[in-house]
């Protein structure tokens, strides 16, 4: 999957509607921050796996190992299903 993300994100608004406990909300917030940090362009990774349209390739196997299998899908669902989606897929693999 390749994705692009916007410059600003309101995580509190995204997680408020999920019906999560306080502890689970903090955990999901941390996992979403980590997930998005992998997609954020820095000086160190400016050319790493970016194509010409600024999409970044993701390895779901590695992300499942880092976030947990169920939480990987939950994080993706939260970031893809809002009114203004955070993750935009280009449907190329």
PDB file of N, CA and C in Angstrom:
ATOM      1  N   UNK A   1       0.853  -1.169   0.000  1.00  0.00           N
ATOM      2  CA  UNK A   1       0.000   0.000   0.000  1.00  0.00           C
ATOM      3  C   UNK A   1       0.894   1.226   0.000  1.00  0.00           C
ATOM      4  N   UNK A   2       0.501   2.269  -0.712  1.00  0.00           N
ATOM      5  CA  UNK A   2       1.184   3.555  -0.680  1.00  0.00           C
ATOM      6  C   UNK A   2       0.198   4.588  -0.164  1.00  0.00           C
ATOM      7  N   UNK A   3       0.679   5.504   0.674  1.00  0.00           N
ATOM      8  CA  UNK A   3      -0.209   6.488   1.292  1.00  0.00           C
ATOM      9  C   UNK A   3       0.405   7.880   1.275  1.00  0.00           C
ATOM     10  N   UNK A   4      -0.438   8.894   1.425  1.00  0.00           N
ATOM     11  CA  UNK A   4      -0.013  10.285   1.616  1.00  0.00           C
ATOM     12  C   UNK A   4      -0.808  10.831   2.791  1.00  0.00           C
ATOM     13  N   UNK A   5      -0.217  11.747   3.568  1.00  0.00           N
ATOM     14  CA  UNK A   5      -0.904  12.296   4.747  1.00  0.00           C
ATOM     15  C   UNK A   5      -0.931  13.819   4.680  1.00  0.00           C
ATOM     16  N   UNK A   6      -1.943  14.454   5.301  1.00  0.00           N
ATOM     17  CA  UNK A   6      -2.010  15.925   5.327  1.00  0.00           C
ATOM     18  C   UNK A   6      -1.019  16.508   6.333  1.00  0.00           C
ATOM     19  N   UNK A   7      -0.858  17.815   6.304  1.00  0.00           N
ATOM     20  CA  UNK A   7       0.113  18.490   7.171  1.00  0.00           C
ATOM     21  C   UNK A   7      -0.335  18.548   8.629  1.00  0.00           C
ATOM     22  N   UNK A   8      -1.634  18.720   8.908  1.00  0.00           N
ATOM     23  CA  UNK A   8      -2.124  18.804  10.285  1.00  0.00           C
ATOM     24  C   UNK A   8      -3.211  17.759  10.523  1.00  0.00           C
ATOM     25  N   UNK A   9      -3.239  17.237  11.750  1.00  0.00           N
ATOM     26  CA  UNK A   9      -4.179  16.169  12.101  1.00  0.00           C
ATOM     27  C   UNK A   9      -4.731  16.423  13.498  1.00  0.00           C
ATOM     28  N   UNK A  10      -6.045  16.319  13.670  1.00  0.00           N
ATOM     29  CA  UNK A  10      -6.699  16.486  14.962  1.00  0.00           C
ATOM     30  C   UNK A  10      -7.032  15.098  15.519  1.00  0.00           C
ATOM     31  N   UNK A  11      -6.069  14.503  16.242  1.00  0.00           N
ATOM     32  CA  UNK A  11      -6.256  13.152  16.780  1.00  0.00           C
ATOM     33  C   UNK A  11      -7.344  13.098  17.846  1.00  0.00           C
ATOM     34  N   UNK A  12      -7.464  14.128  18.649  1.00  0.00           N
ATOM     35  CA  UNK A  12      -8.486  14.135  19.699  1.00  0.00           C
ATOM     36  C   UNK A  12      -9.871  13.972  19.081  1.00  0.00           C
ATOM     37  N   UNK A  13     -10.125  14.653  17.997  1.00  0.00           N
ATOM     38  CA  UNK A  13     -11.420  14.567  17.320  1.00  0.00           C
ATOM     39  C   UNK A  13     -11.630  13.171  16.721  1.00  0.00           C
ATOM     40  N   UNK A  14     -10.571  12.606  16.137  1.00  0.00           N
ATOM     41  CA  UNK A  14     -10.684  11.270  15.544  1.00  0.00           C
ATOM     42  C   UNK A  14     -10.988  10.200  16.587  1.00  0.00           C
ATOM     43  N   UNK A  15     -10.314  10.279  17.719  1.00  0.00           N
ATOM     44  CA  UNK A  15     -10.469   9.247  18.748  1.00  0.00           C
ATOM     45  C   UNK A  15     -11.693   9.448  19.620  1.00  0.00           C
ATOM     46  N   UNK A  16     -12.205  10.672  19.710  1.00  0.00           N
ATOM     47  CA  UNK A  16     -13.367  10.957  20.558  1.00  0.00           C
ATOM     48  C   UNK A  16     -14.578  10.119  20.138  1.00  0.00           C
ATOM     49  N   UNK A  17     -14.757   9.912  18.857  1.00  0.00           N
ATOM     50  CA  UNK A  17     -15.922   9.196  18.343  1.00  0.00           C
ATOM     51  C   UNK A  17     -15.758   7.680  18.324  1.00  0.00           C
ATOM     52  N   UNK A  18     -14.633   7.159  18.819  1.00  0.00           N
ATOM     53  CA  UNK A  18     -14.374   5.723  18.762  1.00  0.00           C
ATOM     54  C   UNK A  18     -14.926   4.950  19.959  1.00  0.00           C
ATOM     55  N   UNK A  19     -15.340   5.634  21.015  1.00  0.00           N
ATOM     56  CA  UNK A  19     -15.890   4.965  22.186  1.00  0.00           C
ATOM     57  C   UNK A  19     -14.854   4.157  22.943  1.00  0.00           C
ATOM     58  N   UNK A  20     -13.647   4.682  23.067  1.00  0.00           N
ATOM     59  CA  UNK A  20     -12.560   3.973  23.734  1.00  0.00           C
ATOM     60  C   UNK A  20     -12.447   4.415  25.188  1.00  0.00           C
ATOM     61  N   UNK A  21     -11.941   3.510  26.039  1.00  0.00           N
ATOM     62  CA  UNK A  21     -11.654   3.883  27.422  1.00  0.00           C
ATOM     63  C   UNK A  21     -10.469   4.849  27.431  1.00  0.00           C
ATOM     64  N   UNK A  22     -10.236   5.502  28.571  1.00  0.00           N
ATOM     65  CA  UNK A  22      -9.150   6.479  28.681  1.00  0.00           C
ATOM     66  C   UNK A  22      -7.793   5.830  28.401  1.00  0.00           C
ATOM     67  N   UNK A  23      -7.582   4.636  28.949  1.00  0.00           N
ATOM     68  CA  UNK A  23      -6.315   3.928  28.755  1.00  0.00           C
ATOM     69  C   UNK A  23      -6.150   3.494  27.303  1.00  0.00           C
ATOM     70  N   UNK A  24      -7.217   2.945  26.727  1.00  0.00           N
ATOM     71  CA  UNK A  24      -7.168   2.496  25.324  1.00  0.00           C
ATOM     72  C   UNK A  24      -6.986   3.683  24.383  1.00  0.00           C
ATOM     73  N   UNK A  25      -7.600   4.820  24.699  1.00  0.00           N
ATOM     74  CA  UNK A  25      -7.452   6.016  23.870  1.00  0.00           C
ATOM     75  C   UNK A  25      -5.999   6.491  23.857  1.00  0.00           C
ATOM     76  N   UNK A  26      -5.341   6.469  25.035  1.00  0.00           N
ATOM     77  CA  UNK A  26      -3.932   6.869  25.103  1.00  0.00           C
ATOM     78  C   UNK A  26      -3.074   5.905  24.293  1.00  0.00           C
ATOM     79  N   UNK A  27      -3.346   4.623  24.407  1.00  0.00           N
ATOM     80  CA  UNK A  27      -2.597   3.624  23.648  1.00  0.00           C
ATOM     81  C   UNK A  27      -2.766   3.819  22.145  1.00  0.00           C
ATOM     82  N   UNK A  28      -4.001   4.034  21.708  1.00  0.00           N
ATOM     83  CA  UNK A  28      -4.264   4.236  20.283  1.00  0.00           C
ATOM     84  C   UNK A  28      -3.635   5.542  19.795  1.00  0.00           C
ATOM     85  N   UNK A  29      -3.671   6.589  20.624  1.00  0.00           N
ATOM     86  CA  UNK A  29      -3.046   7.858  20.250  1.00  0.00           C
ATOM     87  C   UNK A  29      -1.547   7.667  20.036  1.00  0.00           C
ATOM     88  N   UNK A  30      -0.911   6.932  20.959  1.00  0.00           N
ATOM     89  CA  UNK A  30       0.522   6.668  20.827  1.00  0.00           C
ATOM     90  C   UNK A  30       0.819   5.849  19.575  1.00  0.00           C
ATOM     91  N   UNK A  31      -0.012   4.858  19.299  1.00  0.00           N
ATOM     92  CA  UNK A  31       0.201   4.022  18.116  1.00  0.00           C
ATOM     93  C   UNK A  31      -0.025   4.808  16.826  1.00  0.00           C
ATOM     94  N   UNK A  32      -1.003   5.690  16.827  1.00  0.00           N
ATOM     95  CA  UNK A  32      -1.244   6.523  15.644  1.00  0.00           C
ATOM     96  C   UNK A  32      -0.097   7.502  15.445  1.00  0.00           C
ATOM     97  N   UNK A  33       0.403   8.098  16.536  1.00  0.00           N
ATOM     98  CA  UNK A  33       1.566   8.986  16.422  1.00  0.00           C
ATOM     99  C   UNK A  33       2.745   8.234  15.831  1.00  0.00           C
ATOM    100  N   UNK A  34       2.979   7.034  16.317  1.00  0.00           N
ATOM    101  CA  UNK A  34       4.105   6.242  15.799  1.00  0.00           C
ATOM    102  C   UNK A  34       3.891   5.903  14.329  1.00  0.00           C
ATOM    103  N   UNK A  35       2.690   5.457  13.980  1.00  0.00           N
ATOM    104  CA  UNK A  35       2.358   5.107  12.600  1.00  0.00           C
ATOM    105  C   UNK A  35       2.587   6.306  11.680  1.00  0.00           C
ATOM    106  N   UNK A  36       2.098   7.474  12.085  1.00  0.00           N
ATOM    107  CA  UNK A  36       2.256   8.672  11.261  1.00  0.00           C
ATOM    108  C   UNK A  36       3.702   9.156  11.225  1.00  0.00           C
ATOM    109  N   UNK A  37       4.456   8.913  12.292  1.00  0.00           N
ATOM    110  CA  UNK A  37       5.869   9.319  12.286  1.00  0.00           C
ATOM    111  C   UNK A  37       6.653   8.545  11.234  1.00  0.00           C
ATOM    112  N   UNK A  38       6.224   7.326  10.946  1.00  0.00           N
ATOM    113  CA  UNK A  38       6.876   6.545   9.898  1.00  0.00           C
ATOM    114  C   UNK A  38       6.617   7.142   8.519  1.00  0.00           C
ATOM    115  N   UNK A  39       5.520   7.864   8.383  1.00  0.00           N
ATOM    116  CA  UNK A  39       5.147   8.448   7.097  1.00  0.00           C
ATOM    117  C   UNK A  39       5.641   9.875   6.922  1.00  0.00           C
ATOM    118  N   UNK A  40       6.067  10.506   8.009  1.00  0.00           N
ATOM    119  CA  UNK A  40       6.463  11.904   7.968  1.00  0.00           C
ATOM    120  C   UNK A  40       7.836  12.051   7.326  1.00  0.00           C
ATOM    121  N   UNK A  41       7.925  12.979   6.421  1.00  0.00           N
ATOM    122  CA  UNK A  41       9.170  13.210   5.699  1.00  0.00           C
ATOM    123  C   UNK A  41      10.138  14.012   6.558  1.00  0.00           C
ATOM    124  N   UNK A  42      11.365  13.521   6.683  1.00  0.00           N
ATOM    125  CA  UNK A  42      12.415  14.201   7.433  1.00  0.00           C
ATOM    126  C   UNK A  42      13.652  14.316   6.542  1.00  0.00           C
ATOM    127  N   UNK A  43      14.668  15.004   7.031  1.00  0.00           N
ATOM    128  CA  UNK A  43      15.918  15.092   6.268  1.00  0.00           C
ATOM    129  C   UNK A  43      16.560  13.721   6.094  1.00  0.00           C
ATOM    130  N   UNK A  44      16.398  12.865   7.090  1.00  0.00           N
ATOM    131  CA  UNK A  44      17.021  11.538   7.029  1.00  0.00           C
ATOM    132  C   UNK A  44      16.357  10.613   6.024  1.00  0.00           C
ATOM    133  N   UNK A  45      15.046  10.763   5.829  1.00  0.00           N
ATOM    134  CA  UNK A  45      14.354   9.837   4.942  1.00  0.00           C
ATOM    135  C   UNK A  45      13.712  10.534   3.741  1.00  0.00           C
ATOM    136  N   UNK A  46      14.245  11.689   3.348  1.00  0.00           N
ATOM    137  CA  UNK A  46      13.618  12.500   2.302  1.00  0.00           C
ATOM    138  C   UNK A  46      13.411  11.734   1.000  1.00  0.00           C
ATOM    139  N   UNK A  47      14.315  10.856   0.669  1.00  0.00           N
ATOM    140  CA  UNK A  47      14.179  10.112  -0.586  1.00  0.00           C
ATOM    141  C   UNK A  47      13.856   8.643  -0.367  1.00  0.00           C
ATOM    142  N   UNK A  48      13.691   8.248   0.884  1.00  0.00           N
ATOM    143  CA  UNK A  48      13.483   6.840   1.208  1.00  0.00           C
ATOM    144  C   UNK A  48      12.083   6.379   0.824  1.00  0.00           C
ATOM    145  N   UNK A  49      12.002   5.567  -0.174  1.00  0.00           N
ATOM    146  CA  UNK A  49      10.766   4.906  -0.613  1.00  0.00           C
ATOM    147  C   UNK A  49       9.645   5.851  -1.034  1.00  0.00           C
ATOM    148  N   UNK A  50       9.966   7.059  -1.463  1.00  0.00           N
ATOM    149  CA  UNK A  50       8.933   7.959  -1.959  1.00  0.00           C
ATOM    150  C   UNK A  50       8.889   7.876  -3.474  1.00  0.00           C
ATOM    151  N   UNK A  51       7.705   7.845  -4.044  1.00  0.00           N
ATOM    152  CA  UNK A  51       7.604   7.890  -5.499  1.00  0.00           C
ATOM    153  C   UNK A  51       7.398   9.334  -5.937  1.00  0.00           C
ATOM    154  N   UNK A  52       7.175   9.565  -7.208  1.00  0.00           N
ATOM    155  CA  UNK A  52       7.096  10.929  -7.719  1.00  0.00           C
ATOM    156  C   UNK A  52       5.864  11.693  -7.258  1.00  0.00           C
ATOM    157  N   UNK A  53       4.851  11.039  -6.729  1.00  0.00           N
ATOM    158  CA  UNK A  53       3.645  11.723  -6.252  1.00  0.00           C
ATOM    159  C   UNK A  53       3.633  11.877  -4.728  1.00  0.00           C
ATOM    160  N   UNK A  54       4.776  11.672  -4.063  1.00  0.00           N
ATOM    161  CA  UNK A  54       4.931  11.787  -2.611  1.00  0.00           C
ATOM    162  C   UNK A  54       4.122  10.771  -1.824  1.00  0.00           C
ATOM    163  N   UNK A  55       3.895   9.607  -2.381  1.00  0.00           N
ATOM    164  CA  UNK A  55       3.328   8.498  -1.635  1.00  0.00           C
ATOM    165  C   UNK A  55       4.482   7.689  -1.069  1.00  0.00           C
ATOM    166  N   UNK A  56       4.268   7.086   0.088  1.00  0.00           N
ATOM    167  CA  UNK A  56       5.306   6.281   0.716  1.00  0.00           C
ATOM    168  C   UNK A  56       4.840   4.841   0.797  1.00  0.00           C
ATOM    169  N   UNK A  57       5.716   3.926   0.483  1.00  0.00           N
ATOM    170  CA  UNK A  57       5.387   2.510   0.553  1.00  0.00           C
ATOM    171  C   UNK A  57       5.424   2.050   2.008  1.00  0.00           C
ATOM    172  N   UNK A  58       4.457   1.225   2.387  1.00  0.00           N
ATOM    173  CA  UNK A  58       4.393   0.665   3.739  1.00  0.00           C
ATOM    174  C   UNK A  58       4.406  -0.848   3.661  1.00  0.00           C
ATOM    175  N   UNK A  59       5.059  -1.476   4.606  1.00  0.00           N
ATOM    176  CA  UNK A  59       5.057  -2.933   4.708  1.00  0.00           C
ATOM    177  C   UNK A  59       4.115  -3.318   5.846  1.00  0.00           C
ATOM    178  N   UNK A  60       2.975  -3.894   5.488  1.00  0.00           N
ATOM    179  CA  UNK A  60       1.985  -4.229   6.509  1.00  0.00           C
ATOM    180  C   UNK A  60       2.501  -5.282   7.480  1.00  0.00           C
ATOM    181  N   UNK A  61       3.359  -6.170   7.039  1.00  0.00           N
ATOM    182  CA  UNK A  61       3.897  -7.202   7.930  1.00  0.00           C
ATOM    183  C   UNK A  61       4.708  -6.573   9.055  1.00  0.00           C
ATOM    184  N   UNK A  62       5.556  -5.622   8.720  1.00  0.00           N
ATOM    185  CA  UNK A  62       6.365  -4.947   9.735  1.00  0.00           C
ATOM    186  C   UNK A  62       5.479  -4.118  10.662  1.00  0.00           C
ATOM    187  N   UNK A  63       4.513  -3.394  10.093  1.00  0.00           N
ATOM    188  CA  UNK A  63       3.623  -2.575  10.917  1.00  0.00           C
ATOM    189  C   UNK A  63       2.771  -3.433  11.847  1.00  0.00           C
ATOM    190  N   UNK A  64       2.339  -4.597  11.393  1.00  0.00           N
ATOM    191  CA  UNK A  64       1.578  -5.505  12.269  1.00  0.00           C
ATOM    192  C   UNK A  64       2.441  -5.966  13.434  1.00  0.00           C
ATOM    193  N   UNK A  65       3.729  -6.215  13.181  1.00  0.00           N
ATOM    194  CA  UNK A  65       4.630  -6.614  14.259  1.00  0.00           C
ATOM    195  C   UNK A  65       4.839  -5.475  15.256  1.00  0.00           C
ATOM    196  N   UNK A  66       4.888  -4.239  14.778  1.00  0.00           N
ATOM    197  CA  UNK A  66       5.121  -3.087  15.657  1.00  0.00           C
ATOM    198  C   UNK A  66       3.876  -2.667  16.428  1.00  0.00           C
ATOM    199  N   UNK A  67       2.725  -2.635  15.750  1.00  0.00           N
ATOM    200  CA  UNK A  67       1.493  -2.124  16.363  1.00  0.00           C
ATOM    201  C   UNK A  67       0.603  -3.221  16.933  1.00  0.00           C
ATOM    202  N   UNK A  68       0.828  -4.438  16.534  1.00  0.00           N
ATOM    203  CA  UNK A  68      -0.075  -5.530  16.876  1.00  0.00           C
ATOM    204  C   UNK A  68      -1.051  -5.735  15.727  1.00  0.00           C
ATOM    205  N   UNK A  69      -1.395  -6.956  15.450  1.00  0.00           N
ATOM    206  CA  UNK A  69      -2.225  -7.267  14.284  1.00  0.00           C
ATOM    207  C   UNK A  69      -3.572  -6.550  14.323  1.00  0.00           C
ATOM    208  N   UNK A  70      -4.283  -6.639  15.432  1.00  0.00           N
ATOM    209  CA  UNK A  70      -5.612  -6.013  15.523  1.00  0.00           C
ATOM    210  C   UNK A  70      -5.510  -4.493  15.499  1.00  0.00           C
ATOM    211  N   UNK A  71      -4.534  -3.934  16.224  1.00  0.00           N
ATOM    212  CA  UNK A  71      -4.400  -2.476  16.278  1.00  0.00           C
ATOM    213  C   UNK A  71      -3.948  -1.891  14.945  1.00  0.00           C
ATOM    214  N   UNK A  72      -3.192  -2.636  14.152  1.00  0.00           N
ATOM    215  CA  UNK A  72      -2.808  -2.167  12.818  1.00  0.00           C
ATOM    216  C   UNK A  72      -4.059  -1.862  11.998  1.00  0.00           C
ATOM    217  N   UNK A  73      -5.009  -2.800  12.014  1.00  0.00           N
ATOM    218  CA  UNK A  73      -6.239  -2.593  11.252  1.00  0.00           C
ATOM    219  C   UNK A  73      -7.108  -1.489  11.867  1.00  0.00           C
ATOM    220  N   UNK A  74      -7.115  -1.389  13.199  1.00  0.00           N
ATOM    221  CA  UNK A  74      -7.889  -0.343  13.877  1.00  0.00           C
ATOM    222  C   UNK A  74      -7.330   1.046  13.564  1.00  0.00           C
ATOM    223  N   UNK A  75      -6.004   1.179  13.601  1.00  0.00           N
ATOM    224  CA  UNK A  75      -5.362   2.454  13.280  1.00  0.00           C
ATOM    225  C   UNK A  75      -5.666   2.838  11.835  1.00  0.00           C
ATOM    226  N   UNK A  76      -5.538   1.900  10.933  1.00  0.00           N
ATOM    227  CA  UNK A  76      -5.845   2.193   9.520  1.00  0.00           C
ATOM    228  C   UNK A  76      -7.305   2.595   9.342  1.00  0.00           C
ATOM    229  N   UNK A  77      -8.208   1.894  10.027  1.00  0.00           N
ATOM    230  CA  UNK A  77      -9.633   2.220   9.912  1.00  0.00           C
ATOM    231  C   UNK A  77      -9.909   3.637  10.390  1.00  0.00           C
ATOM    232  N   UNK A  78      -9.325   4.021  11.529  1.00  0.00           N
ATOM    233  CA  UNK A  78      -9.519   5.367  12.071  1.00  0.00           C
ATOM    234  C   UNK A  78      -8.975   6.420  11.106  1.00  0.00           C
ATOM    235  N   UNK A  79      -7.809   6.179  10.561  1.00  0.00           N
ATOM    236  CA  UNK A  79      -7.163   7.173   9.704  1.00  0.00           C
ATOM    237  C   UNK A  79      -7.747   7.238   8.292  1.00  0.00           C
ATOM    238  N   UNK A  80      -8.414   6.176   7.862  1.00  0.00           N
ATOM    239  CA  UNK A  80      -8.982   6.155   6.511  1.00  0.00           C
ATOM    240  C   UNK A  80     -10.457   6.531   6.469  1.00  0.00           C
ATOM    241  N   UNK A  81     -11.166   6.444   7.586  1.00  0.00           N
ATOM    242  CA  UNK A  81     -12.626   6.542   7.525  1.00  0.00           C
ATOM    243  C   UNK A  81     -13.219   7.838   8.078  1.00  0.00           C
ATOM    244  N   UNK A  82     -12.408   8.823   8.371  1.00  0.00           N
ATOM    245  CA  UNK A  82     -12.972  10.077   8.876  1.00  0.00           C
ATOM    246  C   UNK A  82     -13.597  10.871   7.726  1.00  0.00           C
ATOM    247  N   UNK A  83     -14.265  11.986   8.068  1.00  0.00           N
ATOM    248  CA  UNK A  83     -14.851  12.844   7.033  1.00  0.00           C
ATOM    249  C   UNK A  83     -13.779  13.361   6.079  1.00  0.00           C
ATOM    250  N   UNK A  84     -12.627  13.673   6.631  1.00  0.00           N
ATOM    251  CA  UNK A  84     -11.481  14.114   5.844  1.00  0.00           C
ATOM    252  C   UNK A  84     -10.351  13.120   6.110  1.00  0.00           C
ATOM    253  N   UNK A  85     -10.266  12.027   5.352  1.00  0.00           N
ATOM    254  CA  UNK A  85      -9.330  10.944   5.684  1.00  0.00           C
ATOM    255  C   UNK A  85      -7.877  11.405   5.778  1.00  0.00           C
ATOM    256  N   UNK A  86      -7.165  10.831   6.741  1.00  0.00           N
ATOM    257  CA  UNK A  86      -5.756  11.140   6.949  1.00  0.00           C
ATOM    258  C   UNK A  86      -4.908  10.359   5.946  1.00  0.00           C
ATOM    259  N   UNK A  87      -5.204   9.076   5.797  1.00  0.00           N
ATOM    260  CA  UNK A  87      -4.479   8.236   4.852  1.00  0.00           C
ATOM    261  C   UNK A  87      -5.201   8.212   3.521  1.00  0.00           C
ATOM    262  N   UNK A  88      -4.450   8.410   2.490  1.00  0.00           N
ATOM    263  CA  UNK A  88      -4.982   8.351   1.138  1.00  0.00           C
ATOM    264  C   UNK A  88      -4.205   7.276   0.398  1.00  0.00           C
ATOM    265  N   UNK A  89      -4.886   6.244  -0.053  1.00  0.00           N
ATOM    266  CA  UNK A  89      -4.230   5.158  -0.777  1.00  0.00           C
ATOM    267  C   UNK A  89      -4.301   5.427  -2.267  1.00  0.00           C
ATOM    268  N   UNK A  90      -3.249   5.015  -2.961  1.00  0.00           N
ATOM    269  CA  UNK A  90      -3.283   5.157  -4.409  1.00  0.00           C
ATOM    270  C   UNK A  90      -3.567   3.815  -5.103  1.00  0.00           C
ATOM    271  N   UNK A  91      -3.870   2.783  -4.306  1.00  0.00           N
ATOM    272  CA  UNK A  91      -4.230   1.451  -4.803  1.00  0.00           C
ATOM    273  C   UNK A  91      -3.167   0.799  -5.664  1.00  0.00           C
ATOM    274  N   UNK A  92      -1.905   1.148  -5.432  1.00  0.00           N
ATOM    275  CA  UNK A  92      -0.783   0.463  -6.077  1.00  0.00           C
ATOM    276  C   UNK A  92      -0.046  -0.283  -4.997  1.00  0.00           C
ATOM    277  N   UNK A  93       0.557  -1.386  -5.349  1.00  0.00           N
ATOM    278  CA  UNK A  93       1.298  -2.188  -4.379  1.00  0.00           C
ATOM    279  C   UNK A  93       2.732  -2.299  -4.778  1.00  0.00           C
TER     280      UNK A  93
END
